[in-house]
Protein backbone atom coordinates (compact mmCIF):
# COMPACT_ATOMS: atom_id res chain seq x y z
CA MET A 1 121.10 60.44 115.81
CA SER A 2 122.13 61.10 112.40
CA THR A 3 121.01 62.14 109.07
CA ARG A 4 122.41 61.60 105.50
CA PHE A 5 122.65 63.51 102.35
CA ASP A 6 123.16 62.11 98.71
CA VAL A 7 123.80 63.92 95.72
CA THR A 8 124.68 62.34 92.30
CA VAL A 9 126.19 64.24 89.20
CA GLU A 10 127.55 63.25 86.23
CA ILE A 11 131.04 64.55 84.62
CA ASP A 12 132.43 64.75 81.53
CA ARG A 13 136.00 63.52 82.63
CA PRO A 14 137.66 59.51 82.86
CA ILE A 15 136.86 57.85 85.71
CA GLU A 16 140.10 57.38 86.44
CA ASP A 17 140.82 61.19 86.27
CA VAL A 18 138.15 62.03 88.55
CA PHE A 19 139.08 59.48 90.98
CA ALA A 20 142.55 60.94 91.24
CA TYR A 21 141.11 64.40 91.72
CA LEU A 22 138.56 63.65 94.52
CA ALA A 23 141.11 61.13 96.10
CA ASP A 24 143.05 64.23 96.92
CA GLY A 25 140.96 65.90 99.20
CA ARG A 26 143.13 69.29 98.87
CA HIS A 27 141.36 70.16 96.10
CA ASP A 28 138.34 70.08 98.43
CA PRO A 29 138.15 74.25 98.74
CA GLU A 30 137.48 74.33 95.06
CA PHE A 31 133.89 73.36 95.14
CA SER A 32 133.61 73.46 98.80
CA PRO A 33 133.41 77.35 99.88
CA ARG A 34 133.10 76.52 103.79
CA VAL A 35 136.22 74.98 103.31
CA LEU A 36 139.20 77.89 103.86
CA GLU A 37 142.24 75.83 104.37
CA ILE A 38 143.30 71.99 103.67
CA GLU A 39 146.35 70.15 104.69
CA LYS A 40 147.17 66.26 104.43
CA SER A 41 148.96 64.08 106.30
CA PRO A 42 151.38 62.48 105.63
CA GLU A 43 152.29 63.77 102.55
CA GLY A 44 152.33 61.93 98.89
CA VAL A 45 149.53 59.41 97.78
CA THR A 46 146.39 59.19 99.21
CA ASP A 47 145.92 56.13 101.06
CA VAL A 48 143.79 54.39 103.56
CA GLY A 49 144.81 56.15 106.74
CA THR A 50 145.83 59.68 105.42
CA VAL A 51 144.10 62.89 107.32
CA PHE A 52 143.16 66.30 106.14
CA HIS A 53 142.81 68.73 108.15
CA SER A 54 140.68 71.21 107.07
CA THR A 55 139.49 75.02 108.56
CA VAL A 56 135.95 75.39 107.81
CA ARG A 57 133.45 78.02 108.37
CA ASP A 58 130.23 77.24 109.07
CA SER A 59 127.31 79.29 110.78
CA GLY A 60 129.82 82.60 110.88
CA MET A 61 132.09 80.03 113.17
CA LYS A 62 135.71 78.68 112.03
CA SER A 63 136.26 75.37 113.06
CA ARG A 64 139.25 72.44 112.78
CA ARG A 65 137.87 69.19 110.79
CA ASP A 66 139.91 66.04 110.68
CA PHE A 67 138.56 63.44 108.31
CA GLU A 68 140.57 60.30 107.58
CA ILE A 69 140.30 58.33 104.79
CA SER A 70 139.31 54.62 105.22
CA GLU A 71 138.88 52.83 102.13
CA LEU A 72 140.11 53.51 98.49
CA THR A 73 139.21 51.63 96.29
CA ALA A 74 140.82 53.00 92.34
CA PRO A 75 138.58 54.39 90.54
CA THR A 76 135.15 53.32 92.07
CA ARG A 77 135.43 53.95 95.89
CA ILE A 78 136.44 56.34 98.62
CA ARG A 79 135.22 56.69 102.07
CA TRP A 80 136.47 58.82 104.65
CA HIS A 81 135.20 59.54 108.20
CA GLU A 82 135.54 62.28 110.73
CA VAL A 83 138.16 62.19 113.36
CA SER A 84 137.76 65.59 114.87
CA HIS A 85 135.04 66.19 118.08
CA HIS A 86 132.43 68.51 117.17
CA SER A 87 128.65 69.08 118.28
CA ILE A 88 127.69 67.73 114.39
CA THR A 89 130.21 65.47 112.43
CA ALA A 90 130.43 63.40 109.30
CA ASP A 91 131.01 60.07 110.78
CA ASP A 92 130.60 58.31 107.49
CA GLY A 93 130.98 60.11 104.15
CA GLY A 94 132.51 59.03 100.40
CA TYR A 95 132.12 58.76 96.68
CA ASP A 96 130.93 55.88 94.36
CA LEU A 97 131.94 56.71 90.94
CA GLU A 98 131.06 54.52 87.88
CA PRO A 99 132.13 55.53 84.18
CA THR A 100 128.82 56.47 81.94
CA ALA A 101 128.99 54.95 77.93
CA ASP A 102 129.78 58.39 76.86
CA GLY A 103 133.60 58.24 78.86
CA GLY A 104 132.55 60.34 81.65
CA THR A 105 131.72 59.63 85.27
CA ARG A 106 128.47 59.40 87.44
CA VAL A 107 129.86 60.35 90.74
CA ARG A 108 127.62 59.70 93.97
CA LEU A 109 128.52 61.70 96.96
CA PHE A 110 126.71 61.01 100.38
CA ASN A 111 127.36 62.32 104.53
CA VAL A 112 125.74 60.72 107.31
CA LEU A 113 125.97 63.76 109.59
CA GLU A 114 126.22 62.49 113.53
CA GLY A 115 124.67 64.88 116.18
CA HIS A 116 126.63 64.90 120.06
CA GLY A 117 125.83 66.84 122.49
CA LEU A 118 123.93 69.85 121.82
CA GLY A 119 124.29 69.13 118.20
CA LYS A 120 121.83 66.43 118.44
CA ALA A 121 119.30 69.64 118.67
CA LEU A 122 121.25 71.33 115.92
CA LEU A 123 121.33 67.79 113.77
CA PRO A 124 117.88 68.15 111.95
CA LEU A 125 118.45 71.67 111.25
CA ALA A 126 121.94 71.25 109.66
CA GLY A 127 120.68 68.05 108.02
CA SER A 128 117.63 70.21 106.18
CA ALA A 129 120.66 72.62 105.26
CA ALA A 130 123.01 70.25 103.79
CA ARG A 131 120.04 68.03 102.00
CA LYS A 132 119.01 71.55 100.38
CA ASP A 133 122.69 72.47 99.70
CA ALA A 134 123.38 69.13 97.47
CA PRO A 135 122.16 69.90 94.06
CA ALA A 136 124.09 72.92 94.05
CA PHE A 137 127.48 71.19 95.75
CA GLY A 138 127.25 68.58 93.15
CA ARG A 139 127.12 71.26 90.65
CA ARG A 140 129.93 72.62 92.00
CA ILE A 141 131.97 69.77 92.37
CA LYS A 142 131.00 68.44 88.52
CA ALA A 143 132.05 72.40 87.46
CA ALA A 144 135.78 71.92 89.70
CA VAL A 145 136.75 68.41 88.34
CA GLU A 146 135.55 69.18 84.22
CA ALA A 147 138.12 72.92 85.02
CA SER A 148 140.95 70.70 86.46
CA ALA A 149 141.72 69.08 82.90
């Protein structure tokens, strides 16, 4: 059982800048309030196989989440999947980027959430909350990337 959420946002920054910012998952706390800490392994340039280890707070509970980069096509596509095991995981997610006519970047973010065990019962609630927050999440990404200039 899975559910998906998407959001598209236009960012007033060139596609190469937006790609570089989003490919470095260590920026996630700047736009995702649920991410408390994040580390990258191995250090250096993000590439396929890079894992971001994060501590997040969901519904008042802290958990450790590990996301592996599964595809990286500069400057248009980033894909990841969660390699940690929890009742609800992001089995597939990513960013699709395209330049806009005015020199900005259109970014589409998506995540496919999967329920495991008890998470199957909680998935509709988690998916609904994620879809409800998606527009605000997109605005936070836009604000964070534009502020990084």
